[in-house]
Amino acid sequence: MDILIKPILWTYRVIIDDDKNYVIGEHEVRIRMTQNRVPKYITTTFSSSPENWDGKNGVPLTTHPRYLDLSAKIKKIVEDIEYEIKTAEKNGRTITHTEIKANLSNQIKQSALPEKPNKILAYIQSVIDYYDSVDNPGYANVFYNNKLTVKKLLKDKDKMFLAFTKADHEAYEKQISGTTESTRSHYLRTYYRIWNLAIADGLCNKEHHPKKFIQFKAYKRIRTKKRSIKSDYWERILRLKPAKDTRIYRSHLMMQFMYYARGMNFNDMLKLKREDFVNNGIAYKRSKNKRNYDFELHPSAVKIIKILENFPEQSDAGYIFPFIMKEHDTAKKIDVRIDSALKDFNEDSKAMAEAVGWKKQFTSNALRHGFASHLNEANVDIKIIQEAMGHETQADTRIYLADLEDSIITEAINAALRRVG
């Protein structure tokens, strides 16, 4: 469910006192988040008159007495909202605007940071501790991984926010410059989020924010690389015969199930329970969008489940795939177990791809992209692909289909030129 973000002038009420940055007789400026046609609002603590507000574009006019301050506040809140959305996407889940409003409220800051440590590593750890305490391992891991990059920058020595210099921020940018654009963007968004929280808690001011010194634009739209696998190479992988007593054999079964179960997400696959499989169909709730899915499985996917019923390894917690056990009794333990299984699966996938001559990246995501691309190559309607992939909108599906294989483009161009000739 997409969240539409727009700054608005709250004309339903006139300011009657000059508390905060309000001016008597003006209207409050709010950030409106609309999801599934339901609005939620976050206040900017600023006000404006209609004469100083551009309603069409949702921005103050330059005639506003506090134009720069209000513009900066709007930008910060919008960036915070986008950060929450992107972090949720990174962790394979859909976030609601209600949750975003709660995350940006003072309640979370007070719960997460009761003592407000003024050194950055201690501060990040307090954020991690908060998300662990509310059983949200995905967010905790995001901040934990970012803490490692900051710790490397500081060479294991903690440092006060106020002691950071322009050179420190430039060094951080240089440190992560060897990663991909999307990874760098993710690290910087989290880094900026830490400073946003610290500024809100009074540990430093906005003049210390790292975005003033870092050149890379963390919030720009980054086009991802091609990740799908050509259908003929996928067919070669299917024909592989790994030895049955090896890990790669289990991974081979898993990738077949993912593909034939409509490109199922790896996380969702490992969370399937035996009770979810009834009459050759599967019923489950997808982790990312929390929607319920119930469909008849492809015979090849059913065959994999039958094989797993007699597999030497079994889950003692009722899961179809033998990874999550009774000992994994918290969301964090399950999350860590799935991460470990995914690492092994991607290593095995790479080995199988190399065995058939596929030179590009091949992971669980590449397999999911491949499923969508293969349907597209077979001229399946995008609405059907959207439903099969569990996407909320066709825009999500088009992201998977955006990068057509060079051979498809070449064939289309050659066919068109033959007609012209």
Protein backbone atom coordinates (compact mmCIF):
# COMPACT_ATOMS: atom_id res chain seq x y z
CA MET A 1 0.00 0.00 0.00
CA ASP A 2 1.74 3.18 -1.21
CA ILE A 3 1.94 6.16 1.13
CA LEU A 4 1.38 9.56 -0.47
CA ILE A 5 3.17 12.41 1.30
CA LYS A 6 2.18 16.07 1.00
CA PRO A 7 2.66 19.16 3.19
CA ILE A 8 -0.67 20.94 3.67
CA LEU A 9 -2.17 23.97 5.36
CA TRP A 10 -4.64 22.83 8.06
CA THR A 11 -7.38 25.40 7.31
CA TYR A 12 -9.96 23.71 9.53
CA ARG A 13 -8.70 25.62 12.56
CA VAL A 14 -7.26 29.06 13.21
CA ILE A 15 -4.32 29.46 15.61
CA ILE A 16 -5.48 31.26 18.75
CA ASP A 17 -2.18 31.45 20.64
CA ASP A 18 1.48 31.90 19.71
CA ASP A 19 2.79 28.65 21.20
CA LYS A 20 5.77 27.03 19.41
CA ASN A 21 6.29 28.64 15.98
CA TYR A 22 2.61 29.43 15.55
CA VAL A 23 1.28 32.90 14.73
CA ILE A 24 -2.18 33.94 15.94
CA GLY A 25 -4.69 34.04 13.10
CA GLU A 26 -2.73 31.66 10.83
CA HIS A 27 -3.22 27.93 10.13
CA GLU A 28 -1.05 25.00 11.20
CA VAL A 29 1.26 23.43 8.61
CA ARG A 30 1.10 19.64 8.67
CA ILE A 31 2.53 16.75 6.70
CA ARG A 32 -0.25 14.55 5.40
CA MET A 33 0.37 10.83 4.79
CA THR A 34 -2.38 9.09 2.83
CA GLN A 35 -2.53 5.29 2.70
CA ASN A 36 -5.50 3.36 1.34
CA ARG A 37 -7.37 6.69 1.20
CA VAL A 38 -6.97 7.19 4.96
CA PRO A 39 -4.98 10.29 6.03
CA LYS A 40 -2.64 10.68 9.00
CA TYR A 41 -0.95 13.95 9.94
CA ILE A 42 2.35 15.01 11.49
CA THR A 43 2.66 18.55 12.75
CA THR A 44 5.57 20.79 11.75
CA THR A 45 4.97 23.13 14.75
CA PHE A 46 4.87 25.98 12.20
CA SER A 47 1.96 28.00 10.86
CA SER A 48 1.23 30.03 7.74
CA SER A 49 -1.37 32.31 6.29
CA PRO A 50 -3.06 31.23 3.01
CA GLU A 51 -1.37 34.18 1.30
CA ASN A 52 2.08 32.76 2.14
CA TRP A 53 1.30 29.15 1.18
CA ASP A 54 1.44 27.40 -2.22
CA GLY A 55 -1.33 24.80 -1.84
CA LYS A 56 -0.78 23.19 -5.23
CA ASN A 57 2.87 22.31 -4.57
CA GLY A 58 2.62 22.03 -0.78
CA VAL A 59 5.38 24.54 0.01
CA PRO A 60 5.61 27.95 1.69
CA LEU A 61 6.01 30.96 -0.57
CA THR A 62 9.19 33.01 -0.28
CA THR A 63 7.06 35.76 1.27
CA HIS A 64 6.59 33.62 4.40
CA PRO A 65 8.37 35.36 7.32
CA ARG A 66 10.08 32.11 8.30
CA TYR A 67 10.40 30.63 4.83
CA LEU A 68 13.82 29.00 5.33
CA ASP A 69 13.05 27.51 8.74
CA LEU A 70 9.67 26.13 7.65
CA SER A 71 11.10 24.73 4.40
CA ALA A 72 13.88 22.98 6.33
CA LYS A 73 11.41 21.51 8.85
CA ILE A 74 9.16 20.19 6.06
CA LYS A 75 12.15 18.66 4.29
CA LYS A 76 13.36 16.97 7.47
CA ILE A 77 9.98 15.39 8.29
CA VAL A 78 9.49 14.19 4.71
CA GLU A 79 12.99 12.66 4.74
CA ASP A 80 12.22 10.93 8.06
CA ILE A 81 9.02 9.48 6.61
CA GLU A 82 10.86 8.29 3.48
CA TYR A 83 13.53 6.74 5.69
CA GLU A 84 10.91 4.73 7.59
CA ILE A 85 9.39 3.50 4.31
CA LYS A 86 12.73 2.59 2.74
CA THR A 87 13.95 0.82 5.90
CA ALA A 88 10.77 -1.25 5.99
CA GLU A 89 11.22 -2.13 2.29
CA LYS A 90 14.83 -3.11 2.96
CA ASN A 91 13.57 -5.56 5.58
CA GLY A 92 10.92 -7.04 3.30
CA ARG A 93 7.90 -5.58 5.05
CA THR A 94 5.21 -2.98 4.46
CA ILE A 95 4.88 -0.19 6.99
CA THR A 96 1.66 1.69 7.77
CA HIS A 97 1.38 5.44 8.13
CA THR A 98 0.10 4.87 11.66
CA GLU A 99 3.36 3.09 12.53
CA ILE A 100 5.41 5.83 10.89
CA LYS A 101 3.65 8.50 12.94
CA ALA A 102 4.32 6.49 16.10
CA ASN A 103 7.98 5.99 15.16
CA LEU A 104 8.45 9.72 14.66
CA SER A 105 6.63 10.71 17.82
CA ASN A 106 8.26 11.70 21.09
CA GLN A 107 6.97 8.51 22.71
CA ILE A 108 9.44 6.34 20.86
CA LYS A 109 12.32 8.74 21.44
CA GLN A 110 11.60 8.81 25.15
CA SER A 111 11.30 5.00 25.34
CA ALA A 112 14.35 4.36 23.20
CA LEU A 113 16.61 7.02 24.65
CA PRO A 114 15.69 7.72 28.27
CA GLU A 115 19.19 8.90 29.21
CA LYS A 116 20.05 10.43 25.83
CA PRO A 117 23.71 9.38 25.61
CA ASN A 118 25.71 12.15 23.92
CA LYS A 119 28.20 9.83 22.23
CA ILE A 120 27.22 8.36 18.90
CA LEU A 121 27.99 4.66 19.41
CA ALA A 122 26.18 4.59 22.76
CA TYR A 123 23.31 6.50 21.20
CA ILE A 124 22.95 4.03 18.31
CA GLN A 125 23.08 1.14 20.77
CA SER A 126 20.16 2.66 22.70
CA VAL A 127 18.14 2.75 19.48
CA ILE A 128 19.05 -0.89 18.82
CA ASP A 129 18.02 -1.81 22.37
CA TYR A 130 14.66 -0.12 21.89
CA TYR A 131 13.81 -2.04 18.71
CA ASP A 132 14.94 -5.27 20.35
CA SER A 133 12.66 -4.51 23.29
CA VAL A 134 9.61 -4.16 21.03
CA ASP A 135 10.48 -7.35 19.11
CA ASN A 136 11.43 -5.62 15.86
CA PRO A 137 14.69 -7.34 14.87
CA GLY A 138 14.60 -5.94 11.33
CA TYR A 139 14.96 -2.34 12.46
CA ALA A 140 17.43 -3.33 15.18
CA ASN A 141 19.64 -4.99 12.55
CA VAL A 142 19.55 -1.91 10.32
CA PHE A 143 20.94 0.27 13.11
CA TYR A 144 23.34 -2.46 14.27
CA ASN A 145 24.89 -2.74 10.80
CA ASN A 146 25.20 1.03 10.62
CA LYS A 147 26.81 1.10 14.04
CA LEU A 148 29.53 -1.19 12.68
CA THR A 149 30.36 1.33 9.94
CA VAL A 150 30.55 4.19 12.45
CA LYS A 151 32.62 2.06 14.82
CA LYS A 152 35.07 1.38 11.99
CA LEU A 153 35.26 5.09 11.25
CA LEU A 154 36.06 5.89 14.88
CA LYS A 155 38.42 2.92 15.27
CA ASP A 156 36.37 1.51 18.17
CA LYS A 157 36.50 4.78 20.14
CA ASP A 158 33.21 6.54 20.92
CA LYS A 159 32.81 10.25 20.14
CA MET A 160 30.40 13.01 21.13
CA PHE A 161 28.10 14.31 18.39
CA LEU A 162 29.40 17.84 18.98
CA ALA A 163 32.99 16.67 18.41
CA PHE A 164 32.32 15.50 14.84
CA THR A 165 33.95 17.62 12.15
CA LYS A 166 33.57 18.11 8.42
CA ALA A 167 36.58 15.79 7.98
CA ASP A 168 34.83 13.03 9.99
CA HIS A 169 31.76 13.09 7.76
CA GLU A 170 33.85 13.18 4.60
CA ALA A 171 35.85 10.22 5.94
CA TYR A 172 32.60 8.30 6.53
CA GLU A 173 31.50 8.95 2.95
CA LYS A 174 34.88 7.77 1.67
CA GLN A 175 34.71 4.66 3.86
CA ILE A 176 31.45 3.44 2.29
CA SER A 177 32.29 4.63 -1.25
CA GLY A 178 33.35 1.13 -2.31
CA THR A 179 29.82 -0.24 -1.93
CA THR A 180 27.03 -0.18 -4.52
CA GLU A 181 24.94 2.97 -4.93
CA SER A 182 21.92 1.39 -3.27
CA THR A 183 23.97 0.12 -0.30
CA ARG A 184 25.66 3.49 0.10
CA SER A 185 22.30 5.23 -0.03
CA HIS A 186 20.93 2.90 2.65
CA TYR A 187 23.92 3.46 4.96
CA LEU A 188 23.65 7.22 4.59
CA ARG A 189 19.90 7.30 5.17
CA THR A 190 20.45 5.43 8.45
CA TYR A 191 23.41 7.67 9.34
CA TYR A 192 21.27 10.75 8.68
CA ARG A 193 18.44 9.26 10.73
CA ILE A 194 20.78 8.91 13.72
CA TRP A 195 21.73 12.59 13.46
CA ASN A 196 18.08 13.62 13.02
CA LEU A 197 17.24 11.86 16.28
CA ALA A 198 20.24 13.37 18.05
CA ILE A 199 19.30 16.86 16.88
CA ALA A 200 15.70 16.32 18.04
CA ASP A 201 17.06 15.26 21.44
CA GLY A 202 19.17 18.39 21.74
CA LEU A 203 22.54 16.63 21.57
CA CYS A 204 23.65 18.85 18.68
CA ASN A 205 22.04 21.29 16.25
CA LYS A 206 21.17 21.12 12.57
CA GLU A 207 24.44 22.81 11.63
CA HIS A 208 26.19 19.56 12.64
CA HIS A 209 24.11 17.39 10.29
CA PRO A 210 26.37 15.31 7.99
CA LYS A 211 24.33 16.03 4.83
CA LYS A 212 25.94 19.46 4.82
CA PHE A 213 29.32 17.86 4.18
CA ILE A 214 28.54 14.68 2.19
CA GLN A 215 28.27 14.97 -1.59
CA PHE A 216 26.42 11.71 -2.36
CA LYS A 217 22.63 12.16 -2.50
CA ALA A 218 21.22 9.46 -0.25
CA TYR A 219 17.59 9.99 -1.29
CA LYS A 220 17.97 9.96 -5.08
CA ARG A 221 16.22 7.24 -7.05
CA ILE A 222 18.77 4.55 -7.84
CA ARG A 223 18.25 2.19 -10.74
CA THR A 224 19.13 -1.33 -9.69
CA LYS A 225 21.13 -3.71 -11.84
CA LYS A 226 19.58 -6.52 -13.86
CA ARG A 227 18.93 -9.43 -11.57
CA SER A 228 16.78 -11.93 -13.48
CA ILE A 229 18.19 -15.11 -15.00
CA LYS A 230 17.57 -16.11 -18.62
CA SER A 231 15.04 -18.89 -19.01
CA ASP A 232 17.43 -21.24 -20.84
CA TYR A 233 20.00 -21.01 -18.03
CA TRP A 234 17.27 -21.58 -15.47
CA GLU A 235 16.27 -24.75 -17.33
CA ARG A 236 19.89 -25.94 -17.15
CA ILE A 237 19.90 -25.37 -13.38
CA LEU A 238 16.68 -27.38 -13.08
CA ARG A 239 18.40 -30.31 -14.83
CA LEU A 240 21.25 -30.39 -12.30
CA LYS A 241 21.38 -33.51 -10.10
CA PRO A 242 23.15 -32.64 -6.82
CA ALA A 243 24.00 -35.52 -4.48
CA LYS A 244 21.11 -36.10 -2.06
CA ASP A 245 23.24 -35.99 1.08
CA THR A 246 24.54 -32.45 0.39
CA ARG A 247 23.42 -28.97 1.37
CA ILE A 248 23.32 -27.95 -2.26
CA TYR A 249 20.67 -30.63 -2.91
CA ARG A 250 18.44 -29.03 -0.30
CA SER A 251 19.06 -25.60 -1.85
CA HIS A 252 18.17 -27.03 -5.26
CA LEU A 253 14.83 -28.20 -3.86
CA MET A 254 14.22 -24.82 -2.24
CA MET A 255 14.87 -22.82 -5.39
CA GLN A 256 12.47 -25.04 -7.33
CA PHE A 257 9.79 -24.50 -4.71
CA MET A 258 10.30 -20.71 -4.70
CA TYR A 259 9.99 -20.57 -8.46
CA TYR A 260 6.97 -22.84 -8.80
CA ALA A 261 5.25 -21.25 -5.77
CA ARG A 262 4.83 -18.06 -7.78
CA GLY A 263 8.26 -16.60 -7.04
CA MET A 264 7.71 -16.80 -3.28
CA ASN A 265 9.91 -14.66 -1.06
CA PHE A 266 12.64 -16.64 0.77
CA ASN A 267 11.52 -15.32 4.16
CA ASP A 268 7.91 -16.37 3.53
CA MET A 269 8.98 -19.79 2.29
CA LEU A 270 10.91 -20.64 5.46
CA LYS A 271 7.96 -19.54 7.61
CA LEU A 272 5.51 -21.91 5.94
CA LYS A 273 4.05 -24.45 8.33
CA ARG A 274 2.76 -27.93 7.53
CA GLU A 275 -0.74 -26.80 8.45
CA ASP A 276 -0.54 -24.18 5.67
CA PHE A 277 -0.42 -26.95 3.04
CA VAL A 278 -3.90 -28.36 2.42
CA ASN A 279 -5.30 -30.17 -0.66
CA ASN A 280 -2.26 -29.27 -2.78
CA GLY A 281 -2.74 -25.60 -1.97
CA ILE A 282 -0.89 -23.18 0.25
CA ALA A 283 -2.29 -20.47 2.55
CA TYR A 284 0.01 -17.96 4.24
CA LYS A 285 0.41 -14.30 5.20
CA ARG A 286 3.13 -12.47 3.32
CA SER A 287 5.65 -10.78 5.61
CA LYS A 288 6.05 -7.67 3.47
CA ASN A 289 2.46 -6.52 2.97
CA LYS A 290 0.69 -8.64 5.64
CA ARG A 291 -1.81 -9.83 3.03
CA ASN A 292 -3.23 -13.36 3.13
CA TYR A 293 -2.59 -15.58 0.10
CA ASP A 294 -4.34 -18.83 -0.71
CA PHE A 295 -3.69 -20.57 -4.03
CA GLU A 296 -3.25 -23.96 -5.64
CA LEU A 297 0.38 -24.94 -5.97
CA HIS A 298 2.05 -25.95 -9.20
CA PRO A 299 2.56 -29.77 -9.28
CA SER A 300 6.34 -29.25 -9.14
CA ALA A 301 5.99 -27.29 -5.88
CA VAL A 302 3.74 -30.00 -4.43
CA LYS A 303 6.37 -32.58 -5.36
CA ILE A 304 9.00 -30.67 -3.35
CA ILE A 305 6.78 -30.65 -0.24
CA LYS A 306 6.26 -34.41 -0.57
CA ILE A 307 10.02 -34.92 -0.75
CA LEU A 308 10.51 -32.78 2.35
CA GLU A 309 7.96 -34.84 4.30
CA ASN A 310 10.47 -37.72 4.19
CA PHE A 311 13.59 -35.57 4.47
CA PRO A 312 16.23 -36.66 7.04
CA GLU A 313 16.05 -33.24 8.70
CA GLN A 314 12.71 -32.05 10.06
CA SER A 315 11.55 -28.94 11.93
CA ASP A 316 10.37 -29.78 15.45
CA ALA A 317 8.24 -26.61 15.36
CA GLY A 318 5.97 -27.69 12.50
CA TYR A 319 7.63 -25.82 9.61
CA ILE A 320 7.74 -27.36 6.12
CA PHE A 321 11.39 -26.46 5.59
CA PRO A 322 13.87 -27.76 8.21
CA PHE A 323 15.33 -24.49 9.48
CA ILE A 324 13.18 -22.88 12.17
CA MET A 325 13.06 -24.99 15.34
CA LYS A 326 11.42 -24.71 18.76
CA GLU A 327 14.57 -23.07 20.07
CA HIS A 328 13.90 -20.14 17.73
CA ASP A 329 11.19 -18.83 20.03
CA THR A 330 11.44 -15.08 19.42
CA ALA A 331 11.14 -12.89 16.33
CA LYS A 332 14.84 -11.98 16.62
CA LYS A 333 15.97 -15.62 16.75
CA ILE A 334 13.80 -16.48 13.74
CA ASP A 335 15.16 -13.48 11.86
CA VAL A 336 18.77 -14.47 12.59
CA ARG A 337 18.08 -18.08 11.56
CA ILE A 338 16.54 -17.01 8.25
CA ASP A 339 19.48 -14.68 7.55
CA SER A 340 21.89 -17.58 8.11
CA ALA A 341 19.85 -19.88 5.85
CA LEU A 342 19.67 -17.22 3.14
CA LYS A 343 23.46 -16.79 3.18
CA ASP A 344 23.91 -20.55 2.62
CA PHE A 345 21.22 -20.60 -0.06
CA ASN A 346 22.80 -17.73 -2.00
CA GLU A 347 26.22 -19.39 -1.83
CA ASP A 348 24.74 -22.60 -3.25
CA SER A 349 22.78 -20.67 -5.89
CA LYS A 350 25.96 -18.99 -7.06
CA ALA A 351 27.71 -22.37 -7.33
CA MET A 352 24.85 -23.85 -9.37
CA ALA A 353 24.73 -20.82 -11.66
CA GLU A 354 28.46 -21.08 -12.31
CA ALA A 355 28.06 -24.78 -13.03
CA VAL A 356 25.72 -24.04 -15.95
CA GLY A 357 27.73 -21.07 -17.25
CA TRP A 358 25.62 -18.20 -15.90
CA LYS A 359 28.15 -15.44 -15.17
CA LYS A 360 25.88 -12.86 -13.57
CA GLN A 361 24.61 -12.65 -10.02
CA PHE A 362 22.15 -15.38 -9.03
CA THR A 363 20.49 -15.16 -5.62
CA SER A 364 17.01 -15.62 -4.18
CA ASN A 365 16.14 -12.15 -5.50
CA ALA A 366 17.44 -13.03 -8.96
CA LEU A 367 15.25 -16.13 -8.91
CA ARG A 368 12.19 -14.08 -7.98
CA HIS A 369 12.99 -11.54 -10.71
CA GLY A 370 13.48 -14.44 -13.10
CA PHE A 371 10.04 -15.83 -12.39
CA ALA A 372 8.44 -12.46 -13.21
CA SER A 373 10.59 -11.97 -16.32
CA HIS A 374 9.82 -15.44 -17.66
CA LEU A 375 6.08 -14.78 -17.34
CA ASN A 376 6.58 -11.46 -19.09
CA GLU A 377 8.50 -13.13 -21.93
CA ALA A 378 5.57 -15.53 -22.33
CA ASN A 379 3.26 -12.49 -22.79
CA VAL A 380 1.41 -13.03 -19.52
CA ASP A 381 -0.69 -9.97 -18.64
CA ILE A 382 1.01 -7.70 -16.09
CA LYS A 383 -2.08 -7.87 -13.84
CA ILE A 384 -1.58 -11.62 -13.52
CA ILE A 385 2.14 -11.19 -12.82
CA GLN A 386 1.29 -8.56 -10.20
CA GLU A 387 -1.08 -10.92 -8.41
CA ALA A 388 1.35 -13.84 -8.65
CA MET A 389 4.18 -11.75 -7.17
CA GLY A 390 1.98 -10.37 -4.39
CA HIS A 391 2.66 -6.77 -5.38
CA GLU A 392 0.34 -4.02 -4.16
CA THR A 393 0.60 -2.02 -7.39
CA GLN A 394 1.59 -2.54 -11.01
CA ALA A 395 4.38 -0.01 -10.40
CA ASP A 396 6.01 -2.54 -8.05
CA THR A 397 5.75 -5.22 -10.73
CA ARG A 398 7.23 -2.96 -13.39
CA ILE A 399 10.33 -2.54 -11.25
CA TYR A 400 10.90 -6.28 -11.64
CA LEU A 401 10.28 -6.07 -15.39
CA ALA A 402 12.07 -2.77 -16.04
CA ASP A 403 15.35 -4.31 -17.25
CA LEU A 404 14.65 -6.51 -20.24
CA GLU A 405 17.40 -8.90 -21.27
CA ASP A 406 19.61 -7.65 -24.11
CA SER A 407 18.66 -10.64 -26.27
CA ILE A 408 14.96 -9.69 -26.08
CA ILE A 409 15.73 -6.08 -27.03
CA THR A 410 17.99 -7.19 -29.88
CA GLU A 411 15.38 -9.60 -31.25
CA ALA A 412 12.68 -6.93 -31.14
CA ILE A 413 14.88 -4.38 -32.94
CA ASN A 414 15.97 -6.88 -35.60
CA ALA A 415 12.37 -7.94 -36.22
CA ALA A 416 11.30 -4.31 -36.63
CA LEU A 417 14.17 -3.58 -39.04
CA ARG A 418 13.30 -6.64 -41.14
CA ARG A 419 9.76 -5.30 -41.52
CA VAL A 420 11.11 -1.90 -42.57
CA GLY A 421 13.50 -3.47 -45.05
